[in-house]
Every structure is written in structure tokens, then in C-alpha cells.
Amino acid sequence: MRSLLVIAFLAPALLAQTPRPKPYVTADQLDVKVLLAAPVPNETELPEVHRIQDTRTPADVRQAQADDAEEDMFVFKTVLGDKFNGASLPLTAALSARVHANEGVITNPAKAYFKRIRPFNFDHTVKPVCKVKDDPNDYGYPSGHSTSGYLEALVLIQIVPERRNEILARADAYAHNRVVCGVHYPSDTQASKLVAYATMGLMMNNVEFQRDLAAAKAETRRALFGGE
């Protein structure tokens, strides 16, 4: 009993000491606020946000909420099947975690610069169906989730190039679900696509990324296609 109490007491501290994955790109390498144009006025896109809110189905909401909860490469299991999962592919999961780590490093300075208020904070008739922060300064341009989704897609295409079209279509749907959630405007996600492509260009010149990509590619292709 004492051992269990000690573990319970120490668990938060141990979790806090878990190192975060190291991103492949730094904010110094990519100044997103220079790369992106200023967002259009919020009023311009509110009609589209309301249209999506008014027409989203329960199935749309469930998928948007599922995508909201997952920010790794394995959202593409809908394309590649059940064998494509983090538990079975530890090297691919590690690569995905490092790719995802780039999102905040790259997008947060731009969010702070553009200060675009999210739809539900700008117009209280917008009702989000995904988790939100109780912080009016939690800005939305560009979308972090969408940046991560597009970036994971671009990396996955290096691993499974023959499924390129399906992977990119799934990335578009993942980004669109941020608008279905009611937490972004369409142009937030469009900007994220540009950010992801720029980030990918930098990552491709990173020696550590190339090493991790090669290991993940071998692991994933072996799991999906056998001896390849």
C-alpha cells in the first residue's frame, strides 16, 4: 500500500520531467509572420462559419471531435488501415512526435503577432463543439492543428508515396474539421497549409529528420507491405 502511495505522489513529478520531443525546425529558421499575409476581416468569413455550423451533422461533429483529440500521424490510419498505429510502430510514433513538436514553435509567434480572435470569441452565436481554452487571447491564425496535420501528411507521403492523393485528401478533411469544430475560420487552415509546406522544406535538409524518416519508413513499410 505504501508503495502505491509513493508512486501516486511521484507520478506528477515524473511526468513533468519527461522531456518534450525536440522539433526539427526552430522559429529562427522560419518567421511565419513574414511568410503569411494578414488574415481577412473576421466578418468576411463568419457567414461560412455559420453555414458549416448550421449544416454539420452528428457524424460530422463526432469526426471533428475525434480529429481534435489526435494530433499525430496516426490520424491517417483511415487511409492506411489498422496496422498503421503507434503501439505497433514505435519508430514511426517517435518521428511523428518530433514532427508535431514543430507546430507550436512555428505557429505560436505568428498567432501572437496577428492576434486573430477565434470565431466563438468574436461572435457568441458560434457554438464550438470541440475543446476550447477559456482565454480570449488564445488566437487562431494560423491553425496549429491544421499545420500539424498537413506536416504529418507531407512526412507520411515520404513513407508511403503511392498513397499520396488519399493522404492529402485526409489532411484537407482534418483541417476542414477545425472549422466544423467552430474554433477556426477557413483562412486559418489555408494559411496552415502554406506554413506546413515551408516547414517541410526546412525539415528535408535536417540530418536528424532524414535519419528518423529512414527508420520510420523501413518500419512502416515492413508492417504494411511485408518484406519491402
C-alpha atoms as a PDB file:
ATOM      1  CA  MET A   1       0.000   0.000   0.000  1.00  0.00           C
ATOM      2  CA  ARG A   2       2.838   2.371   0.897  1.00  0.00           C
ATOM      3  CA  SER A   3       4.479   1.697  -2.494  1.00  0.00           C
ATOM      4  CA  LEU A   4       1.283   2.621  -4.317  1.00  0.00           C
ATOM      5  CA  LEU A   5       1.009   5.856  -2.347  1.00  0.00           C
ATOM      6  CA  VAL A   6       4.612   6.768  -3.152  1.00  0.00           C
ATOM      7  CA  ILE A   7       4.032   6.105  -6.873  1.00  0.00           C
ATOM      8  CA  ALA A   8       0.854   8.200  -6.836  1.00  0.00           C
ATOM      9  CA  PHE A   9       2.725  11.036  -5.124  1.00  0.00           C
ATOM     10  CA  LEU A  10       5.663  10.936  -7.500  1.00  0.00           C
ATOM     11  CA  ALA A  11       3.749  10.400 -10.750  1.00  0.00           C
ATOM     12  CA  PRO A  12       3.050  14.089 -11.494  1.00  0.00           C
ATOM     13  CA  ALA A  13       6.681  14.996 -10.887  1.00  0.00           C
ATOM     14  CA  LEU A  14       7.895  12.157 -13.083  1.00  0.00           C
ATOM     15  CA  LEU A  15       5.556  13.199 -15.881  1.00  0.00           C
ATOM     16  CA  ALA A  16       6.725  16.783 -15.585  1.00  0.00           C
ATOM     17  CA  GLN A  17      10.323  15.620 -16.066  1.00  0.00           C
ATOM     18  CA  THR A  18       9.515  13.736 -19.300  1.00  0.00           C
ATOM     19  CA  PRO A  19      11.395  15.619 -21.995  1.00  0.00           C
ATOM     20  CA  ARG A  20       9.365  17.017 -24.840  1.00  0.00           C
ATOM     21  CA  PRO A  21      10.316  15.859 -28.312  1.00  0.00           C
ATOM     22  CA  LYS A  22      12.880  18.081 -29.953  1.00  0.00           C
ATOM     23  CA  PRO A  23      11.496  19.886 -33.038  1.00  0.00           C
ATOM     24  CA  TYR A  24      13.369  19.654 -36.305  1.00  0.00           C
ATOM     25  CA  VAL A  25      12.880  23.354 -37.138  1.00  0.00           C
ATOM     26  CA  THR A  26      13.332  26.453 -34.986  1.00  0.00           C
ATOM     27  CA  ALA A  27      11.430  29.740 -35.072  1.00  0.00           C
ATOM     28  CA  ASP A  28      14.650  31.425 -36.206  1.00  0.00           C
ATOM     29  CA  GLN A  29      14.597  29.350 -39.388  1.00  0.00           C
ATOM     30  CA  LEU A  30      11.033  30.232 -40.361  1.00  0.00           C
ATOM     31  CA  ASP A  31       9.417  33.553 -39.477  1.00  0.00           C
ATOM     32  CA  VAL A  32       5.790  32.745 -40.239  1.00  0.00           C
ATOM     33  CA  LYS A  33       4.540  36.285 -39.709  1.00  0.00           C
ATOM     34  CA  VAL A  34       6.666  37.352 -42.668  1.00  0.00           C
ATOM     35  CA  LEU A  35       5.588  34.381 -44.750  1.00  0.00           C
ATOM     36  CA  LEU A  36       1.840  34.935 -44.311  1.00  0.00           C
ATOM     37  CA  ALA A  37      -0.418  37.766 -45.406  1.00  0.00           C
ATOM     38  CA  ALA A  38      -2.587  39.323 -42.717  1.00  0.00           C
ATOM     39  CA  PRO A  39      -5.890  37.480 -42.286  1.00  0.00           C
ATOM     40  CA  VAL A  40      -9.039  38.893 -43.846  1.00  0.00           C
ATOM     41  CA  PRO A  41     -11.505  40.658 -41.503  1.00  0.00           C
ATOM     42  CA  ASN A  42     -13.372  38.200 -39.312  1.00  0.00           C
ATOM     43  CA  GLU A  43     -16.745  39.424 -40.587  1.00  0.00           C
ATOM     44  CA  THR A  44     -15.806  38.288 -44.087  1.00  0.00           C
ATOM     45  CA  GLU A  45     -15.677  34.627 -43.084  1.00  0.00           C
ATOM     46  CA  LEU A  46     -18.385  34.469 -40.435  1.00  0.00           C
ATOM     47  CA  PRO A  47     -21.133  33.564 -42.944  1.00  0.00           C
ATOM     48  CA  GLU A  48     -19.160  30.462 -43.958  1.00  0.00           C
ATOM     49  CA  VAL A  49     -18.509  29.540 -40.324  1.00  0.00           C
ATOM     50  CA  HIS A  50     -22.251  29.836 -39.631  1.00  0.00           C
ATOM     51  CA  ARG A  51     -23.147  27.844 -42.742  1.00  0.00           C
ATOM     52  CA  ILE A  52     -20.917  24.977 -41.615  1.00  0.00           C
ATOM     53  CA  GLN A  53     -22.287  25.199 -38.084  1.00  0.00           C
ATOM     54  CA  ASP A  54     -25.875  25.085 -39.337  1.00  0.00           C
ATOM     55  CA  THR A  55     -25.305  22.109 -41.658  1.00  0.00           C
ATOM     56  CA  ARG A  56     -22.921  19.922 -39.639  1.00  0.00           C
ATOM     57  CA  THR A  57     -24.386  16.518 -38.843  1.00  0.00           C
ATOM     58  CA  PRO A  58     -23.866  14.432 -35.680  1.00  0.00           C
ATOM     59  CA  ALA A  59     -21.414  12.310 -37.684  1.00  0.00           C
ATOM     60  CA  ASP A  60     -19.538  15.450 -38.751  1.00  0.00           C
ATOM     61  CA  VAL A  61     -19.299  16.518 -35.119  1.00  0.00           C
ATOM     62  CA  ARG A  62     -18.036  13.120 -33.970  1.00  0.00           C
ATOM     63  CA  GLN A  63     -15.313  13.080 -36.618  1.00  0.00           C
ATOM     64  CA  ALA A  64     -14.292  16.664 -35.847  1.00  0.00           C
ATOM     65  CA  GLN A  65     -14.060  15.835 -32.153  1.00  0.00           C
ATOM     66  CA  ALA A  66     -12.006  12.706 -32.876  1.00  0.00           C
ATOM     67  CA  ASP A  67      -9.624  14.746 -35.026  1.00  0.00           C
ATOM     68  CA  ASP A  68      -9.442  17.430 -32.351  1.00  0.00           C
ATOM     69  CA  ALA A  69      -8.225  14.826 -29.875  1.00  0.00           C
ATOM     70  CA  GLU A  70      -5.494  13.373 -32.113  1.00  0.00           C
ATOM     71  CA  GLU A  71      -2.544  15.358 -33.456  1.00  0.00           C
ATOM     72  CA  ASP A  72      -0.224  12.686 -34.761  1.00  0.00           C
ATOM     73  CA  MET A  73       0.490  10.779 -37.940  1.00  0.00           C
ATOM     74  CA  PHE A  74      -1.926   8.033 -36.988  1.00  0.00           C
ATOM     75  CA  VAL A  75      -4.962  10.104 -37.936  1.00  0.00           C
ATOM     76  CA  PHE A  76      -4.098   8.651 -41.351  1.00  0.00           C
ATOM     77  CA  LYS A  77      -4.977   5.144 -40.239  1.00  0.00           C
ATOM     78  CA  THR A  78      -8.258   5.827 -42.057  1.00  0.00           C
ATOM     79  CA  VAL A  79      -6.137   5.699 -45.228  1.00  0.00           C
ATOM     80  CA  LEU A  80      -3.580   3.027 -44.330  1.00  0.00           C
ATOM     81  CA  GLY A  81      -5.616   0.690 -42.131  1.00  0.00           C
ATOM     82  CA  ASP A  82      -5.436  -0.678 -38.608  1.00  0.00           C
ATOM     83  CA  LYS A  83      -1.838  -1.884 -38.927  1.00  0.00           C
ATOM     84  CA  PHE A  84      -0.808   1.758 -39.004  1.00  0.00           C
ATOM     85  CA  ASN A  85      -0.851   2.541 -35.288  1.00  0.00           C
ATOM     86  CA  GLY A  86       1.538   3.953 -32.737  1.00  0.00           C
ATOM     87  CA  ALA A  87       1.618   0.893 -30.498  1.00  0.00           C
ATOM     88  CA  SER A  88       2.939  -1.294 -33.315  1.00  0.00           C
ATOM     89  CA  LEU A  89       5.226   1.305 -34.895  1.00  0.00           C
ATOM     90  CA  PRO A  90       7.394   2.904 -32.191  1.00  0.00           C
ATOM     91  CA  LEU A  91       9.934   4.450 -34.579  1.00  0.00           C
ATOM     92  CA  THR A  92       7.157   5.994 -36.652  1.00  0.00           C
ATOM     93  CA  ALA A  93       5.471   7.239 -33.481  1.00  0.00           C
ATOM     94  CA  ALA A  94       8.735   8.861 -32.377  1.00  0.00           C
ATOM     95  CA  LEU A  95       9.100  10.552 -35.764  1.00  0.00           C
ATOM     96  CA  SER A  96       5.500  11.769 -35.584  1.00  0.00           C
ATOM     97  CA  ALA A  97       6.062  13.242 -32.119  1.00  0.00           C
ATOM     98  CA  ARG A  98       9.077  15.223 -33.311  1.00  0.00           C
ATOM     99  CA  VAL A  99       7.191  16.424 -36.384  1.00  0.00           C
ATOM    100  CA  HIS A 100       4.275  17.543 -34.225  1.00  0.00           C
ATOM    101  CA  ALA A 101       6.674  19.376 -31.911  1.00  0.00           C
ATOM    102  CA  ASN A 102       7.373  21.831 -34.735  1.00  0.00           C
ATOM    103  CA  GLU A 103       3.786  23.113 -34.704  1.00  0.00           C
ATOM    104  CA  GLY A 104       3.898  25.349 -31.641  1.00  0.00           C
ATOM    105  CA  VAL A 105       7.449  26.537 -32.290  1.00  0.00           C
ATOM    106  CA  ILE A 106       6.477  27.722 -35.771  1.00  0.00           C
ATOM    107  CA  THR A 107       2.882  28.921 -35.355  1.00  0.00           C
ATOM    108  CA  ASN A 108       2.764  30.449 -31.867  1.00  0.00           C
ATOM    109  CA  PRO A 109       4.848  33.545 -32.737  1.00  0.00           C
ATOM    110  CA  ALA A 110       2.557  34.188 -35.716  1.00  0.00           C
ATOM    111  CA  LYS A 111      -0.574  33.760 -33.602  1.00  0.00           C
ATOM    112  CA  ALA A 112       0.775  36.316 -31.141  1.00  0.00           C
ATOM    113  CA  TYR A 113       1.629  38.708 -33.976  1.00  0.00           C
ATOM    114  CA  PHE A 114      -1.635  38.571 -35.935  1.00  0.00           C
ATOM    115  CA  LYS A 115      -3.860  38.283 -32.823  1.00  0.00           C
ATOM    116  CA  ARG A 116      -6.815  36.935 -34.751  1.00  0.00           C
ATOM    117  CA  ILE A 117      -9.722  36.315 -32.392  1.00  0.00           C
ATOM    118  CA  ARG A 118     -11.311  32.906 -32.770  1.00  0.00           C
ATOM    119  CA  PRO A 119     -14.861  32.744 -34.184  1.00  0.00           C
ATOM    120  CA  PHE A 120     -16.600  31.827 -30.935  1.00  0.00           C
ATOM    121  CA  ASN A 121     -14.905  34.686 -29.077  1.00  0.00           C
ATOM    122  CA  PHE A 122     -15.687  37.173 -31.836  1.00  0.00           C
ATOM    123  CA  ASP A 123     -19.313  36.104 -32.322  1.00  0.00           C
ATOM    124  CA  HIS A 124     -21.020  34.315 -29.447  1.00  0.00           C
ATOM    125  CA  THR A 125     -23.601  32.759 -31.744  1.00  0.00           C
ATOM    126  CA  VAL A 126     -20.797  30.496 -32.964  1.00  0.00           C
ATOM    127  CA  LYS A 127     -21.020  27.380 -30.793  1.00  0.00           C
ATOM    128  CA  PRO A 128     -17.856  25.262 -30.726  1.00  0.00           C
ATOM    129  CA  VAL A 129     -18.231  21.512 -30.333  1.00  0.00           C
ATOM    130  CA  CYS A 130     -14.576  20.777 -29.581  1.00  0.00           C
ATOM    131  CA  LYS A 131     -12.433  21.704 -26.603  1.00  0.00           C
ATOM    132  CA  VAL A 132     -11.552  25.375 -26.243  1.00  0.00           C
ATOM    133  CA  LYS A 133      -9.403  27.439 -23.918  1.00  0.00           C
ATOM    134  CA  ASP A 134     -11.058  29.918 -21.583  1.00  0.00           C
ATOM    135  CA  ASP A 135      -8.715  32.607 -22.818  1.00  0.00           C
ATOM    136  CA  PRO A 136      -9.706  35.394 -25.247  1.00  0.00           C
ATOM    137  CA  ASN A 137      -6.011  35.744 -26.118  1.00  0.00           C
ATOM    138  CA  ASP A 138      -5.877  32.189 -27.471  1.00  0.00           C
ATOM    139  CA  TYR A 139      -5.546  33.353 -31.069  1.00  0.00           C
ATOM    140  CA  GLY A 140      -6.258  31.273 -34.149  1.00  0.00           C
ATOM    141  CA  TYR A 141      -4.200  32.373 -37.179  1.00  0.00           C
ATOM    142  CA  PRO A 142      -2.676  30.163 -38.434  1.00  0.00           C
ATOM    143  CA  SER A 143      -4.289  26.973 -37.137  1.00  0.00           C
ATOM    144  CA  GLY A 144      -1.913  24.832 -35.114  1.00  0.00           C
ATOM    145  CA  HIS A 145      -3.890  21.602 -35.549  1.00  0.00           C
ATOM    146  CA  SER A 146      -4.053  22.109 -39.306  1.00  0.00           C
ATOM    147  CA  THR A 147      -0.345  22.890 -39.523  1.00  0.00           C
ATOM    148  CA  SER A 148       0.410  19.670 -37.677  1.00  0.00           C
ATOM    149  CA  GLY A 149      -1.999  17.672 -39.851  1.00  0.00           C
ATOM    150  CA  TYR A 150      -0.556  18.933 -43.119  1.00  0.00           C
ATOM    151  CA  LEU A 151       3.004  18.495 -41.883  1.00  0.00           C
ATOM    152  CA  GLU A 152       2.374  14.916 -40.744  1.00  0.00           C
ATOM    153  CA  ALA A 153       0.775  14.258 -44.147  1.00  0.00           C
ATOM    154  CA  LEU A 154       3.779  15.585 -46.050  1.00  0.00           C
ATOM    155  CA  VAL A 155       6.084  13.391 -43.987  1.00  0.00           C
ATOM    156  CA  LEU A 156       3.869  10.340 -44.434  1.00  0.00           C
ATOM    157  CA  ILE A 157       3.960  10.823 -48.202  1.00  0.00           C
ATOM    158  CA  GLN A 158       7.727  10.294 -47.991  1.00  0.00           C
ATOM    159  CA  ILE A 159       6.995   6.920 -46.378  1.00  0.00           C
ATOM    160  CA  VAL A 160       4.039   5.776 -48.493  1.00  0.00           C
ATOM    161  CA  PRO A 161       4.253   7.818 -51.719  1.00  0.00           C
ATOM    162  CA  GLU A 162       1.826   5.541 -53.550  1.00  0.00           C
ATOM    163  CA  ARG A 163      -0.983   6.785 -51.252  1.00  0.00           C
ATOM    164  CA  ARG A 164      -0.189  10.467 -51.774  1.00  0.00           C
ATOM    165  CA  ASN A 165      -3.607  11.564 -53.044  1.00  0.00           C
ATOM    166  CA  GLU A 166      -5.558   9.847 -50.277  1.00  0.00           C
ATOM    167  CA  ILE A 167      -3.219  11.188 -47.592  1.00  0.00           C
ATOM    168  CA  LEU A 168      -3.538  14.767 -48.831  1.00  0.00           C
ATOM    169  CA  ALA A 169      -7.324  14.449 -49.081  1.00  0.00           C
ATOM    170  CA  ARG A 170      -7.416  13.243 -45.471  1.00  0.00           C
ATOM    171  CA  ALA A 171      -5.224  16.184 -44.437  1.00  0.00           C
ATOM    172  CA  ASP A 172      -7.674  18.581 -46.099  1.00  0.00           C
ATOM    173  CA  ALA A 173     -10.559  16.950 -44.244  1.00  0.00           C
ATOM    174  CA  TYR A 174      -8.636  17.128 -40.972  1.00  0.00           C
ATOM    175  CA  ALA A 175      -8.065  20.854 -41.499  1.00  0.00           C
ATOM    176  CA  HIS A 176     -11.689  21.458 -42.502  1.00  0.00           C
ATOM    177  CA  ASN A 177     -12.797  19.831 -39.262  1.00  0.00           C
ATOM    178  CA  ARG A 178     -11.264  22.750 -37.374  1.00  0.00           C
ATOM    179  CA  VAL A 179     -13.987  24.895 -38.960  1.00  0.00           C
ATOM    180  CA  VAL A 180     -16.584  22.201 -38.229  1.00  0.00           C
ATOM    181  CA  CYS A 181     -15.419  22.402 -34.608  1.00  0.00           C
ATOM    182  CA  GLY A 182     -16.207  26.123 -34.648  1.00  0.00           C
ATOM    183  CA  VAL A 183     -12.726  27.088 -33.483  1.00  0.00           C
ATOM    184  CA  HIS A 184     -11.237  28.416 -36.751  1.00  0.00           C
ATOM    185  CA  TYR A 185     -12.069  30.363 -39.874  1.00  0.00           C
ATOM    186  CA  PRO A 186     -11.347  28.723 -43.253  1.00  0.00           C
ATOM    187  CA  SER A 187      -8.395  31.009 -43.944  1.00  0.00           C
ATOM    188  CA  ASP A 188      -6.759  29.925 -40.663  1.00  0.00           C
ATOM    189  CA  THR A 189      -6.447  26.427 -42.076  1.00  0.00           C
ATOM    190  CA  GLN A 190      -5.479  27.630 -45.551  1.00  0.00           C
ATOM    191  CA  ALA A 191      -2.586  29.576 -44.043  1.00  0.00           C
ATOM    192  CA  SER A 192      -1.528  26.461 -42.166  1.00  0.00           C
ATOM    193  CA  LYS A 193      -1.086  24.556 -45.409  1.00  0.00           C
ATOM    194  CA  LEU A 194       1.439  27.143 -46.598  1.00  0.00           C
ATOM    195  CA  VAL A 195       3.229  27.021 -43.248  1.00  0.00           C
ATOM    196  CA  ALA A 196       3.434  23.230 -43.379  1.00  0.00           C
ATOM    197  CA  TYR A 197       4.950  23.178 -46.864  1.00  0.00           C
ATOM    198  CA  ALA A 198       7.547  25.782 -45.858  1.00  0.00           C
ATOM    199  CA  THR A 199       8.384  23.838 -42.710  1.00  0.00           C
ATOM    200  CA  MET A 200       8.705  20.604 -44.661  1.00  0.00           C
ATOM    201  CA  GLY A 201      11.249  22.214 -46.963  1.00  0.00           C
ATOM    202  CA  LEU A 202      13.429  23.046 -43.987  1.00  0.00           C
ATOM    203  CA  MET A 203      12.985  19.637 -42.396  1.00  0.00           C
ATOM    204  CA  MET A 204      14.117  17.843 -45.548  1.00  0.00           C
ATOM    205  CA  ASN A 205      17.540  19.450 -45.086  1.00  0.00           C
ATOM    206  CA  ASN A 206      17.789  18.308 -41.468  1.00  0.00           C
ATOM    207  CA  VAL A 207      20.129  15.350 -40.952  1.00  0.00           C
ATOM    208  CA  GLU A 208      18.281  14.100 -37.861  1.00  0.00           C
ATOM    209  CA  PHE A 209      14.972  14.198 -39.709  1.00  0.00           C
ATOM    210  CA  GLN A 210      16.390  12.208 -42.615  1.00  0.00           C
ATOM    211  CA  ARG A 211      17.737   9.609 -40.185  1.00  0.00           C
ATOM    212  CA  ASP A 212      14.432   9.295 -38.319  1.00  0.00           C
ATOM    213  CA  LEU A 213      12.458   9.256 -41.556  1.00  0.00           C
ATOM    214  CA  ALA A 214      14.523   6.384 -42.960  1.00  0.00           C
ATOM    215  CA  ALA A 215      13.962   4.319 -39.808  1.00  0.00           C
ATOM    216  CA  ALA A 216      10.227   5.037 -39.755  1.00  0.00           C
ATOM    217  CA  LYS A 217       9.887   4.283 -43.462  1.00  0.00           C
ATOM    218  CA  ALA A 218      11.521   0.878 -43.103  1.00  0.00           C
ATOM    219  CA  GLU A 219       9.369   0.059 -40.069  1.00  0.00           C
ATOM    220  CA  THR A 220       6.074   1.186 -41.590  1.00  0.00           C
ATOM    221  CA  ARG A 221       6.569  -0.379 -44.998  1.00  0.00           C
ATOM    222  CA  ARG A 222       7.548  -3.661 -43.362  1.00  0.00           C
ATOM    223  CA  ALA A 223       4.343  -3.592 -41.280  1.00  0.00           C
ATOM    224  CA  LEU A 224       2.080  -2.599 -44.161  1.00  0.00           C
ATOM    225  CA  PHE A 225       3.635  -4.418 -47.090  1.00  0.00           C
ATOM    226  CA  GLY A 226       5.698  -7.239 -45.630  1.00  0.00           C
ATOM    227  CA  GLY A 227       9.265  -7.603 -46.817  1.00  0.00           C
ATOM    228  CA  GLU A 228       9.645  -4.219 -48.558  1.00  0.00           C
END
